[in-house]
Amino acid sequence: MGNRTYLIAPVEPLDVDGVRTVQVGTALFAIAFVALLPFYGRLEEDGRTWLLWMCLTGVGLGLLGMEYCKRRRLVRAEREHDEP
């Protein structure tokens, strides 16, 4: 609709490998698990112990994701080193 002029900033994109993002997410799941532990009895009464298992699953998947991202970062660094 009409003529529009877009300005594009001369900024290079961030080189994000995802390691820190996965670390933060994993830490948040671990904190949530520890925070819910004192309420285990109440969670069990209400049939919501799945919240604890969800937190543990988030930690487990986060650890796997962290390993994946670290290996990916290593492979990318090796490729950059090998390129002329």
PDB file of N, CA and C in Angstrom:
ATOM      1  N   MET A   1       0.835  -1.178   0.000  1.00  0.00           N
ATOM      2  CA  MET A   1       0.000   0.000   0.000  1.00  0.00           C
ATOM      3  C   MET A   1       0.878   1.238   0.000  1.00  0.00           C
ATOM      4  N   GLY A   2       0.984   1.811  -1.118  1.00  0.00           N
ATOM      5  CA  GLY A   2       1.769   3.018  -1.215  1.00  0.00           C
ATOM      6  C   GLY A   2       3.260   2.729  -1.259  1.00  0.00           C
ATOM      7  N   ASN A   3       4.016   3.765  -1.475  1.00  0.00           N
ATOM      8  CA  ASN A   3       5.473   3.612  -1.486  1.00  0.00           C
ATOM      9  C   ASN A   3       6.008   3.752  -0.078  1.00  0.00           C
ATOM     10  N   ARG A   4       6.775   2.780   0.327  1.00  0.00           N
ATOM     11  CA  ARG A   4       7.372   2.835   1.660  1.00  0.00           C
ATOM     12  C   ARG A   4       8.876   2.667   1.534  1.00  0.00           C
ATOM     13  N   THR A   5       9.565   3.369   2.368  1.00  0.00           N
ATOM     14  CA  THR A   5      11.015   3.270   2.398  1.00  0.00           C
ATOM     15  C   THR A   5      11.409   2.622   3.713  1.00  0.00           C
ATOM     16  N   TYR A   6      12.171   1.556   3.609  1.00  0.00           N
ATOM     17  CA  TYR A   6      12.618   0.848   4.800  1.00  0.00           C
ATOM     18  C   TYR A   6      14.103   1.104   5.012  1.00  0.00           C
ATOM     19  N   LEU A   7      14.431   1.427   6.238  1.00  0.00           N
ATOM     20  CA  LEU A   7      15.832   1.600   6.598  1.00  0.00           C
ATOM     21  C   LEU A   7      16.336   0.316   7.235  1.00  0.00           C
ATOM     22  N   ILE A   8      17.452  -0.156   6.776  1.00  0.00           N
ATOM     23  CA  ILE A   8      18.045  -1.367   7.329  1.00  0.00           C
ATOM     24  C   ILE A   8      19.340  -0.973   8.024  1.00  0.00           C
ATOM     25  N   ALA A   9      19.416  -1.289   9.293  1.00  0.00           N
ATOM     26  CA  ALA A   9      20.598  -0.941  10.078  1.00  0.00           C
ATOM     27  C   ALA A   9      21.790  -1.789   9.638  1.00  0.00           C
ATOM     28  N   PRO A  10      22.949  -1.185   9.528  1.00  0.00           N
ATOM     29  CA  PRO A  10      24.149  -1.925   9.121  1.00  0.00           C
ATOM     30  C   PRO A  10      24.748  -2.701  10.308  1.00  0.00           C
ATOM     31  N   VAL A  11      23.992  -3.647  10.816  1.00  0.00           N
ATOM     32  CA  VAL A  11      24.417  -4.409  11.991  1.00  0.00           C
ATOM     33  C   VAL A  11      24.569  -5.871  11.590  1.00  0.00           C
ATOM     34  N   GLU A  12      25.680  -6.438  11.973  1.00  0.00           N
ATOM     35  CA  GLU A  12      25.897  -7.856  11.708  1.00  0.00           C
ATOM     36  C   GLU A  12      25.028  -8.697  12.637  1.00  0.00           C
ATOM     37  N   PRO A  13      24.511  -9.826  12.170  1.00  0.00           N
ATOM     38  CA  PRO A  13      23.710 -10.677  13.056  1.00  0.00           C
ATOM     39  C   PRO A  13      24.561 -11.289  14.155  1.00  0.00           C
ATOM     40  N   LEU A  14      23.929 -11.535  15.277  1.00  0.00           N
ATOM     41  CA  LEU A  14      24.642 -12.172  16.376  1.00  0.00           C
ATOM     42  C   LEU A  14      24.954 -13.617  16.032  1.00  0.00           C
ATOM     43  N   ASP A  15      26.096 -14.080  16.436  1.00  0.00           N
ATOM     44  CA  ASP A  15      26.461 -15.471  16.229  1.00  0.00           C
ATOM     45  C   ASP A  15      26.040 -16.242  17.481  1.00  0.00           C
ATOM     46  N   VAL A  16      24.828 -16.708  17.472  1.00  0.00           N
ATOM     47  CA  VAL A  16      24.278 -17.391  18.633  1.00  0.00           C
ATOM     48  C   VAL A  16      24.339 -18.888  18.397  1.00  0.00           C
ATOM     49  N   ASP A  17      24.973 -19.607  19.321  1.00  0.00           N
ATOM     50  CA  ASP A  17      25.067 -21.055  19.170  1.00  0.00           C
ATOM     51  C   ASP A  17      24.077 -21.796  20.056  1.00  0.00           C
ATOM     52  N   GLY A  18      23.371 -21.096  20.915  1.00  0.00           N
ATOM     53  CA  GLY A  18      22.313 -21.701  21.703  1.00  0.00           C
ATOM     54  C   GLY A  18      22.737 -22.287  23.031  1.00  0.00           C
ATOM     55  N   VAL A  19      24.014 -22.325  23.339  1.00  0.00           N
ATOM     56  CA  VAL A  19      24.479 -22.955  24.572  1.00  0.00           C
ATOM     57  C   VAL A  19      23.936 -22.212  25.792  1.00  0.00           C
ATOM     58  N   ARG A  20      24.091 -20.915  25.820  1.00  0.00           N
ATOM     59  CA  ARG A  20      23.640 -20.146  26.983  1.00  0.00           C
ATOM     60  C   ARG A  20      22.121 -20.225  27.144  1.00  0.00           C
ATOM     61  N   THR A  21      21.404 -20.210  26.037  1.00  0.00           N
ATOM     62  CA  THR A  21      19.942 -20.305  26.099  1.00  0.00           C
ATOM     63  C   THR A  21      19.511 -21.622  26.726  1.00  0.00           C
ATOM     64  N   VAL A  22      20.137 -22.713  26.307  1.00  0.00           N
ATOM     65  CA  VAL A  22      19.799 -24.026  26.857  1.00  0.00           C
ATOM     66  C   VAL A  22      20.213 -24.108  28.325  1.00  0.00           C
ATOM     67  N   GLN A  23      21.334 -23.514  28.679  1.00  0.00           N
ATOM     68  CA  GLN A  23      21.777 -23.519  30.073  1.00  0.00           C
ATOM     69  C   GLN A  23      20.776 -22.791  30.965  1.00  0.00           C
ATOM     70  N   VAL A  24      20.295 -21.660  30.511  1.00  0.00           N
ATOM     71  CA  VAL A  24      19.325 -20.894  31.304  1.00  0.00           C
ATOM     72  C   VAL A  24      18.028 -21.678  31.456  1.00  0.00           C
ATOM     73  N   GLY A  25      17.545 -22.275  30.378  1.00  0.00           N
ATOM     74  CA  GLY A  25      16.322 -23.062  30.452  1.00  0.00           C
ATOM     75  C   GLY A  25      16.453 -24.253  31.376  1.00  0.00           C
ATOM     76  N   THR A  26      17.587 -24.938  31.305  1.00  0.00           N
ATOM     77  CA  THR A  26      17.835 -26.088  32.171  1.00  0.00           C
ATOM     78  C   THR A  26      17.888 -25.657  33.625  1.00  0.00           C
ATOM     79  N   ALA A  27      18.552 -24.546  33.889  1.00  0.00           N
ATOM     80  CA  ALA A  27      18.630 -24.038  35.256  1.00  0.00           C
ATOM     81  C   ALA A  27      17.240 -23.672  35.789  1.00  0.00           C
ATOM     82  N   LEU A  28      16.410 -23.080  34.957  1.00  0.00           N
ATOM     83  CA  LEU A  28      15.057 -22.724  35.396  1.00  0.00           C
ATOM     84  C   LEU A  28      14.232 -23.959  35.729  1.00  0.00           C
ATOM     85  N   PHE A  29      14.352 -25.008  34.929  1.00  0.00           N
ATOM     86  CA  PHE A  29      13.647 -26.248  35.238  1.00  0.00           C
ATOM     87  C   PHE A  29      14.161 -26.857  36.547  1.00  0.00           C
ATOM     88  N   ALA A  30      15.480 -26.801  36.763  1.00  0.00           N
ATOM     89  CA  ALA A  30      16.042 -27.345  38.004  1.00  0.00           C
ATOM     90  C   ALA A  30      15.550 -26.545  39.215  1.00  0.00           C
ATOM     91  N   ILE A  31      15.508 -25.240  39.095  1.00  0.00           N
ATOM     92  CA  ILE A  31      15.016 -24.397  40.188  1.00  0.00           C
ATOM     93  C   ILE A  31      13.545 -24.692  40.465  1.00  0.00           C
ATOM     94  N   ALA A  32      12.766 -24.865  39.402  1.00  0.00           N
ATOM     95  CA  ALA A  32      11.343 -25.184  39.583  1.00  0.00           C
ATOM     96  C   ALA A  32      11.169 -26.522  40.290  1.00  0.00           C
ATOM     97  N   PHE A  33      12.002 -27.500  39.940  1.00  0.00           N
ATOM     98  CA  PHE A  33      11.921 -28.807  40.593  1.00  0.00           C
ATOM     99  C   PHE A  33      12.200 -28.680  42.086  1.00  0.00           C
ATOM    100  N   VAL A  34      13.269 -27.983  42.420  1.00  0.00           N
ATOM    101  CA  VAL A  34      13.632 -27.817  43.835  1.00  0.00           C
ATOM    102  C   VAL A  34      12.559 -27.017  44.566  1.00  0.00           C
ATOM    103  N   ALA A  35      11.984 -26.021  43.902  1.00  0.00           N
ATOM    104  CA  ALA A  35      10.948 -25.209  44.537  1.00  0.00           C
ATOM    105  C   ALA A  35       9.668 -26.009  44.784  1.00  0.00           C
ATOM    106  N   LEU A  36       9.387 -27.004  43.944  1.00  0.00           N
ATOM    107  CA  LEU A  36       8.171 -27.806  44.103  1.00  0.00           C
ATOM    108  C   LEU A  36       8.338 -28.965  45.080  1.00  0.00           C
ATOM    109  N   LEU A  37       9.564 -29.353  45.378  1.00  0.00           N
ATOM    110  CA  LEU A  37       9.782 -30.497  46.275  1.00  0.00           C
ATOM    111  C   LEU A  37       9.110 -30.355  47.642  1.00  0.00           C
ATOM    112  N   PRO A  38       9.158 -29.196  48.290  1.00  0.00           N
ATOM    113  CA  PRO A  38       8.488 -29.092  49.591  1.00  0.00           C
ATOM    114  C   PRO A  38       6.971 -29.293  49.527  1.00  0.00           C
ATOM    115  N   PHE A  39       6.404 -29.145  48.350  1.00  0.00           N
ATOM    116  CA  PHE A  39       4.962 -29.288  48.186  1.00  0.00           C
ATOM    117  C   PHE A  39       4.567 -30.650  47.615  1.00  0.00           C
ATOM    118  N   TYR A  40       5.449 -31.629  47.732  1.00  0.00           N
ATOM    119  CA  TYR A  40       5.182 -32.943  47.143  1.00  0.00           C
ATOM    120  C   TYR A  40       3.879 -33.552  47.671  1.00  0.00           C
ATOM    121  N   GLY A  41       3.649 -33.464  48.970  1.00  0.00           N
ATOM    122  CA  GLY A  41       2.432 -34.027  49.557  1.00  0.00           C
ATOM    123  C   GLY A  41       1.178 -33.420  48.973  1.00  0.00           C
ATOM    124  N   ARG A  42       1.179 -32.120  48.868  1.00  0.00           N
ATOM    125  CA  ARG A  42       0.001 -31.447  48.313  1.00  0.00           C
ATOM    126  C   ARG A  42      -0.169 -31.756  46.832  1.00  0.00           C
ATOM    127  N   LEU A  43       0.948 -31.815  46.107  1.00  0.00           N
ATOM    128  CA  LEU A  43       0.874 -32.174  44.693  1.00  0.00           C
ATOM    129  C   LEU A  43       0.309 -33.578  44.522  1.00  0.00           C
ATOM    130  N   GLU A  44       0.708 -34.484  45.411  1.00  0.00           N
ATOM    131  CA  GLU A  44       0.221 -35.859  45.330  1.00  0.00           C
ATOM    132  C   GLU A  44      -1.274 -35.927  45.631  1.00  0.00           C
ATOM    133  N   GLU A  45      -1.711 -35.153  46.620  1.00  0.00           N
ATOM    134  CA  GLU A  45      -3.144 -35.120  46.956  1.00  0.00           C
ATOM    135  C   GLU A  45      -3.985 -34.611  45.785  1.00  0.00           C
ATOM    136  N   ASP A  46      -3.470 -33.614  45.084  1.00  0.00           N
ATOM    137  CA  ASP A  46      -4.205 -33.010  43.979  1.00  0.00           C
ATOM    138  C   ASP A  46      -3.995 -33.738  42.649  1.00  0.00           C
ATOM    139  N   GLY A  47      -3.145 -34.778  42.660  1.00  0.00           N
ATOM    140  CA  GLY A  47      -2.878 -35.512  41.428  1.00  0.00           C
ATOM    141  C   GLY A  47      -2.047 -34.728  40.431  1.00  0.00           C
ATOM    142  N   ARG A  48      -1.152 -33.906  40.953  1.00  0.00           N
ATOM    143  CA  ARG A  48      -0.334 -33.075  40.077  1.00  0.00           C
ATOM    144  C   ARG A  48       1.169 -33.347  40.235  1.00  0.00           C
ATOM    145  N   THR A  49       1.512 -34.569  40.560  1.00  0.00           N
ATOM    146  CA  THR A  49       2.945 -34.894  40.656  1.00  0.00           C
ATOM    147  C   THR A  49       3.618 -34.852  39.295  1.00  0.00           C
ATOM    148  N   TRP A  50       2.820 -34.790  38.239  1.00  0.00           N
ATOM    149  CA  TRP A  50       3.393 -34.680  36.901  1.00  0.00           C
ATOM    150  C   TRP A  50       4.222 -33.405  36.755  1.00  0.00           C
ATOM    151  N   LEU A  51       3.939 -32.396  37.580  1.00  0.00           N
ATOM    152  CA  LEU A  51       4.733 -31.175  37.521  1.00  0.00           C
ATOM    153  C   LEU A  51       6.197 -31.447  37.872  1.00  0.00           C
ATOM    154  N   LEU A  52       6.407 -32.297  38.876  1.00  0.00           N
ATOM    155  CA  LEU A  52       7.782 -32.656  39.237  1.00  0.00           C
ATOM    156  C   LEU A  52       8.463 -33.413  38.101  1.00  0.00           C
ATOM    157  N   TRP A  53       7.723 -34.368  37.515  1.00  0.00           N
ATOM    158  CA  TRP A  53       8.296 -35.147  36.424  1.00  0.00           C
ATOM    159  C   TRP A  53       8.567 -34.275  35.209  1.00  0.00           C
ATOM    160  N   MET A  54       7.716 -33.290  34.978  1.00  0.00           N
ATOM    161  CA  MET A  54       7.941 -32.374  33.873  1.00  0.00           C
ATOM    162  C   MET A  54       9.242 -31.601  34.080  1.00  0.00           C
ATOM    163  N   CYS A  55       9.469 -31.145  35.321  1.00  0.00           N
ATOM    164  CA  CYS A  55      10.699 -30.408  35.617  1.00  0.00           C
ATOM    165  C   CYS A  55      11.927 -31.287  35.420  1.00  0.00           C
ATOM    166  N   LEU A  56      11.839 -32.537  35.885  1.00  0.00           N
ATOM    167  CA  LEU A  56      12.973 -33.452  35.695  1.00  0.00           C
ATOM    168  C   LEU A  56      13.212 -33.741  34.217  1.00  0.00           C
ATOM    169  N   THR A  57      12.139 -33.884  33.465  1.00  0.00           N
ATOM    170  CA  THR A  57      12.273 -34.101  32.029  1.00  0.00           C
ATOM    171  C   THR A  57      12.914 -32.888  31.370  1.00  0.00           C
ATOM    172  N   GLY A  58      12.520 -31.691  31.792  1.00  0.00           N
ATOM    173  CA  GLY A  58      13.125 -30.475  31.255  1.00  0.00           C
ATOM    174  C   GLY A  58      14.614 -30.402  31.543  1.00  0.00           C
ATOM    175  N   VAL A  59      15.015 -30.826  32.744  1.00  0.00           N
ATOM    176  CA  VAL A  59      16.440 -30.844  33.077  1.00  0.00           C
ATOM    177  C   VAL A  59      17.172 -31.869  32.209  1.00  0.00           C
ATOM    178  N   GLY A  60      16.589 -33.055  32.079  1.00  0.00           N
ATOM    179  CA  GLY A  60      17.229 -34.101  31.271  1.00  0.00           C
ATOM    180  C   GLY A  60      17.369 -33.700  29.817  1.00  0.00           C
ATOM    181  N   LEU A  61      16.292 -33.182  29.237  1.00  0.00           N
ATOM    182  CA  LEU A  61      16.365 -32.735  27.844  1.00  0.00           C
ATOM    183  C   LEU A  61      17.301 -31.542  27.691  1.00  0.00           C
ATOM    184  N   GLY A  62      17.338 -30.699  28.707  1.00  0.00           N
ATOM    185  CA  GLY A  62      18.262 -29.567  28.666  1.00  0.00           C
ATOM    186  C   GLY A  62      19.715 -30.012  28.660  1.00  0.00           C
ATOM    187  N   LEU A  63      20.019 -31.043  29.439  1.00  0.00           N
ATOM    188  CA  LEU A  63      21.396 -31.559  29.450  1.00  0.00           C
ATOM    189  C   LEU A  63      21.763 -32.160  28.087  1.00  0.00           C
ATOM    190  N   LEU A  64      20.815 -32.876  27.491  1.00  0.00           N
ATOM    191  CA  LEU A  64      21.065 -33.407  26.149  1.00  0.00           C
ATOM    192  C   LEU A  64      21.225 -32.274  25.139  1.00  0.00           C
ATOM    193  N   GLY A  65      20.363 -31.271  25.233  1.00  0.00           N
ATOM    194  CA  GLY A  65      20.452 -30.129  24.332  1.00  0.00           C
ATOM    195  C   GLY A  65      21.738 -29.343  24.504  1.00  0.00           C
ATOM    196  N   MET A  66      22.207 -29.250  25.731  1.00  0.00           N
ATOM    197  CA  MET A  66      23.456 -28.547  25.989  1.00  0.00           C
ATOM    198  C   MET A  66      24.624 -29.266  25.310  1.00  0.00           C
ATOM    199  N   GLU A  67      24.640 -30.579  25.433  1.00  0.00           N
ATOM    200  CA  GLU A  67      25.699 -31.365  24.782  1.00  0.00           C
ATOM    201  C   GLU A  67      25.627 -31.199  23.266  1.00  0.00           C
ATOM    202  N   TYR A  68      24.420 -31.235  22.724  1.00  0.00           N
ATOM    203  CA  TYR A  68      24.244 -31.053  21.281  1.00  0.00           C
ATOM    204  C   TYR A  68      24.761 -29.681  20.838  1.00  0.00           C
ATOM    205  N   CYS A  69      24.387 -28.640  21.557  1.00  0.00           N
ATOM    206  CA  CYS A  69      24.798 -27.286  21.180  1.00  0.00           C
ATOM    207  C   CYS A  69      26.301 -27.095  21.315  1.00  0.00           C
ATOM    208  N   LYS A  70      26.890 -27.696  22.332  1.00  0.00           N
ATOM    209  CA  LYS A  70      28.345 -27.582  22.499  1.00  0.00           C
ATOM    210  C   LYS A  70      29.081 -28.285  21.359  1.00  0.00           C
ATOM    211  N   ARG A  71      28.591 -29.468  20.975  1.00  0.00           N
ATOM    212  CA  ARG A  71      29.218 -30.168  19.845  1.00  0.00           C
ATOM    213  C   ARG A  71      29.042 -29.381  18.557  1.00  0.00           C
ATOM    214  N   ARG A  72      27.868 -28.795  18.378  1.00  0.00           N
ATOM    215  CA  ARG A  72      27.601 -27.988  17.193  1.00  0.00           C
ATOM    216  C   ARG A  72      28.543 -26.779  17.149  1.00  0.00           C
ATOM    217  N   ARG A  73      28.747 -26.141  18.299  1.00  0.00           N
ATOM    218  CA  ARG A  73      29.656 -24.995  18.368  1.00  0.00           C
ATOM    219  C   ARG A  73      31.075 -25.423  18.003  1.00  0.00           C
ATOM    220  N   LEU A  74      31.497 -26.599  18.489  1.00  0.00           N
ATOM    221  CA  LEU A  74      32.829 -27.111  18.193  1.00  0.00           C
ATOM    222  C   LEU A  74      33.000 -27.386  16.706  1.00  0.00           C
ATOM    223  N   VAL A  75      31.998 -28.014  16.091  1.00  0.00           N
ATOM    224  CA  VAL A  75      32.071 -28.312  14.662  1.00  0.00           C
ATOM    225  C   VAL A  75      32.126 -27.025  13.851  1.00  0.00           C
ATOM    226  N   ARG A  76      31.325 -26.040  14.239  1.00  0.00           N
ATOM    227  CA  ARG A  76      31.345 -24.759  13.525  1.00  0.00           C
ATOM    228  C   ARG A  76      32.697 -24.067  13.665  1.00  0.00           C
ATOM    229  N   ALA A  77      33.302 -24.156  14.841  1.00  0.00           N
ATOM    230  CA  ALA A  77      34.621 -23.542  15.054  1.00  0.00           C
ATOM    231  C   ALA A  77      35.677 -24.249  14.209  1.00  0.00           C
ATOM    232  N   GLU A  78      35.582 -25.566  14.110  1.00  0.00           N
ATOM    233  CA  GLU A  78      36.540 -26.308  13.285  1.00  0.00           C
ATOM    234  C   GLU A  78      36.386 -25.954  11.811  1.00  0.00           C
ATOM    235  N   ARG A  79      35.142 -25.801  11.353  1.00  0.00           N
ATOM    236  CA  ARG A  79      34.902 -25.418   9.961  1.00  0.00           C
ATOM    237  C   ARG A  79      35.470 -24.039   9.672  1.00  0.00           C
ATOM    238  N   GLU A  80      35.290 -23.097  10.578  1.00  0.00           N
ATOM    239  CA  GLU A  80      35.821 -21.755  10.378  1.00  0.00           C
ATOM    240  C   GLU A  80      37.343 -21.757  10.368  1.00  0.00           C
ATOM    241  N   HIS A  81      37.914 -22.624  11.176  1.00  0.00           N
ATOM    242  CA  HIS A  81      39.379 -22.711  11.240  1.00  0.00           C
ATOM    243  C   HIS A  81      39.945 -23.322   9.958  1.00  0.00           C
ATOM    244  N   ASP A  82      39.244 -24.287   9.383  1.00  0.00           N
ATOM    245  CA  ASP A  82      39.722 -24.975   8.188  1.00  0.00           C
ATOM    246  C   ASP A  82      39.538 -24.173   6.908  1.00  0.00           C
ATOM    247  N   GLU A  83      38.577 -23.251   6.897  1.00  0.00           N
ATOM    248  CA  GLU A  83      38.328 -22.450   5.696  1.00  0.00           C
ATOM    249  C   GLU A  83      39.437 -21.433   5.513  1.00  0.00           C
ATOM    250  N   PRO A  84      39.826 -21.245   4.247  1.00  0.00           N
ATOM    251  CA  PRO A  84      40.917 -20.257   3.978  1.00  0.00           C
ATOM    252  C   PRO A  84      40.486 -18.841   4.115  1.00  0.00           C
TER     253      PRO A  84
END
